[in-house]
Amino acid sequence: MSHDKISRRSLLQGALIGLAAAPASALLARDAFAADLPLIDPADAQAKALGYVHDATKVDAKANPNYKAGQLCANCIQYTGKEGAAEGGCNIFPGKGVKATGWCKVYVIKPGATLG
């Protein structure tokens, strides 16, 4: 019976590589999954409560005084879709996709983004 020794350095290197790979694989899986998300229906109870619309140009400004032209899901911090994609995921509507051109009351501009 042989007793091979594993150095502490090798063990720590392997552990660090494993820890670094876990978030990367989660991001890759999320991006692949986002393409398969069904779009949220604006008539959905949660979407309705948050004033979600597929087309931000159709936001009722009287009912949503915080809305400003140029606010879109695509430049919201909650949007998880890829830049330039027509639709993507949203942290507010887990398991559902939103249009990049959409808007809801939870809108917060992404750091570094501009309205436009």
Protein backbone atom coordinates (compact mmCIF):
# COMPACT_ATOMS: atom_id res chain seq x y z
CA MET A 1 0.00 0.00 0.00
CA SER A 2 1.59 3.28 -1.02
CA HIS A 3 1.06 6.54 0.76
CA ASP A 4 1.49 9.40 -1.70
CA LYS A 5 1.76 12.76 -0.05
CA ILE A 6 0.07 15.82 -1.48
CA SER A 7 1.83 19.04 -0.64
CA ARG A 8 -0.08 21.77 1.09
CA ARG A 9 0.76 24.10 -1.81
CA SER A 10 -0.76 21.71 -4.38
CA LEU A 11 -3.87 21.27 -2.28
CA LEU A 12 -4.37 25.03 -1.90
CA GLN A 13 -3.76 25.66 -5.62
CA GLY A 14 -6.35 23.05 -6.55
CA ALA A 15 -8.86 24.53 -4.10
CA LEU A 16 -8.34 28.06 -5.44
CA ILE A 17 -8.76 26.93 -9.05
CA GLY A 18 -11.98 25.16 -8.09
CA LEU A 19 -13.31 28.24 -6.29
CA ALA A 20 -12.49 30.44 -9.28
CA ALA A 21 -14.18 28.05 -11.73
CA ALA A 22 -17.48 27.88 -9.85
CA PRO A 23 -18.63 31.50 -10.46
CA ALA A 24 -17.43 31.38 -14.06
CA SER A 25 -19.47 28.27 -14.78
CA ALA A 26 -22.52 29.82 -13.10
CA LEU A 27 -22.24 32.89 -15.34
CA LEU A 28 -21.96 30.74 -18.46
CA ALA A 29 -24.96 28.68 -17.42
CA ARG A 30 -26.99 31.82 -16.66
CA ASP A 31 -26.25 33.30 -20.11
CA ALA A 32 -27.26 30.06 -21.84
CA PHE A 33 -30.41 29.86 -19.72
CA ALA A 34 -31.38 33.51 -20.32
CA ALA A 35 -31.95 32.83 -24.02
CA ASP A 36 -34.63 30.27 -23.11
CA LEU A 37 -36.65 32.45 -20.73
CA PRO A 38 -40.30 33.02 -21.60
CA LEU A 39 -41.21 36.71 -21.78
CA ILE A 40 -43.14 38.13 -18.87
CA ASP A 41 -46.73 38.93 -19.78
CA PRO A 42 -47.52 42.57 -18.96
CA ALA A 43 -50.89 41.27 -17.66
CA ASP A 44 -49.06 39.10 -15.08
CA ALA A 45 -49.98 40.25 -11.54
CA GLN A 46 -46.40 41.18 -10.59
CA ALA A 47 -45.73 42.89 -13.91
CA LYS A 48 -48.97 44.84 -13.62
CA ALA A 49 -48.19 45.91 -10.05
CA LEU A 50 -44.79 47.21 -11.17
CA GLY A 51 -46.15 48.92 -14.28
CA TYR A 52 -44.06 46.77 -16.64
CA VAL A 53 -44.50 47.43 -20.37
CA HIS A 54 -42.66 45.85 -23.32
CA ASP A 55 -42.25 49.29 -24.95
CA ALA A 56 -41.06 52.12 -22.68
CA THR A 57 -42.41 54.74 -25.08
CA LYS A 58 -45.90 53.62 -23.99
CA VAL A 59 -45.38 54.31 -20.27
CA ASP A 60 -48.24 56.31 -18.77
CA ALA A 61 -46.30 59.34 -17.47
CA LYS A 62 -49.20 60.46 -15.25
CA ALA A 63 -49.33 57.11 -13.48
CA ASN A 64 -45.50 56.87 -13.36
CA PRO A 65 -44.11 60.33 -12.58
CA ASN A 66 -40.60 58.91 -12.02
CA TYR A 67 -40.36 57.75 -15.64
CA LYS A 68 -37.99 59.69 -17.88
CA ALA A 69 -37.55 59.20 -21.62
CA GLY A 70 -34.63 56.90 -22.36
CA GLN A 71 -35.16 54.65 -19.34
CA LEU A 72 -35.16 51.10 -20.70
CA CYS A 73 -34.72 47.65 -19.25
CA ALA A 74 -31.48 47.45 -21.25
CA ASN A 75 -29.90 50.26 -19.19
CA CYS A 76 -31.42 49.20 -15.84
CA ILE A 77 -29.26 47.66 -13.13
CA GLN A 78 -31.75 44.77 -12.76
CA TYR A 79 -31.44 43.68 -16.42
CA THR A 80 -29.25 40.59 -16.88
CA GLY A 81 -29.49 40.24 -20.65
CA LYS A 82 -26.52 40.68 -22.95
CA GLU A 83 -25.83 44.15 -24.30
CA GLY A 84 -27.50 44.59 -27.68
CA ALA A 85 -29.90 41.66 -27.17
CA ALA A 86 -33.60 42.26 -27.86
CA GLU A 87 -34.56 40.59 -24.60
CA GLY A 88 -32.99 39.11 -21.51
CA GLY A 89 -33.45 38.18 -17.89
CA CYS A 90 -34.37 40.49 -15.04
CA ASN A 91 -33.68 40.13 -11.31
CA ILE A 92 -37.17 41.47 -10.56
CA PHE A 93 -38.94 38.78 -12.60
CA PRO A 94 -37.00 35.55 -11.89
CA GLY A 95 -37.54 32.87 -14.50
CA LYS A 96 -39.01 35.35 -16.98
CA GLY A 97 -37.48 37.48 -19.70
CA VAL A 98 -38.14 41.13 -20.42
CA LYS A 99 -37.79 43.20 -23.58
CA ALA A 100 -34.67 45.37 -23.68
CA THR A 101 -37.00 48.20 -24.71
CA GLY A 102 -39.28 47.61 -21.71
CA TRP A 103 -39.65 49.52 -18.44
CA CYS A 104 -41.05 49.07 -14.93
CA LYS A 105 -41.30 51.10 -11.69
CA VAL A 106 -38.23 49.38 -10.22
CA TYR A 107 -35.98 51.00 -12.84
CA VAL A 108 -32.54 52.11 -11.61
CA ILE A 109 -29.92 53.19 -14.13
CA LYS A 110 -26.83 50.98 -14.42
CA PRO A 111 -23.64 52.65 -13.20
CA GLY A 112 -21.95 54.30 -16.17
CA ALA A 113 -25.03 54.02 -18.43
CA THR A 114 -26.71 57.02 -20.02
CA LEU A 115 -30.31 57.60 -20.96
CA GLY A 116 -30.80 57.75 -24.61
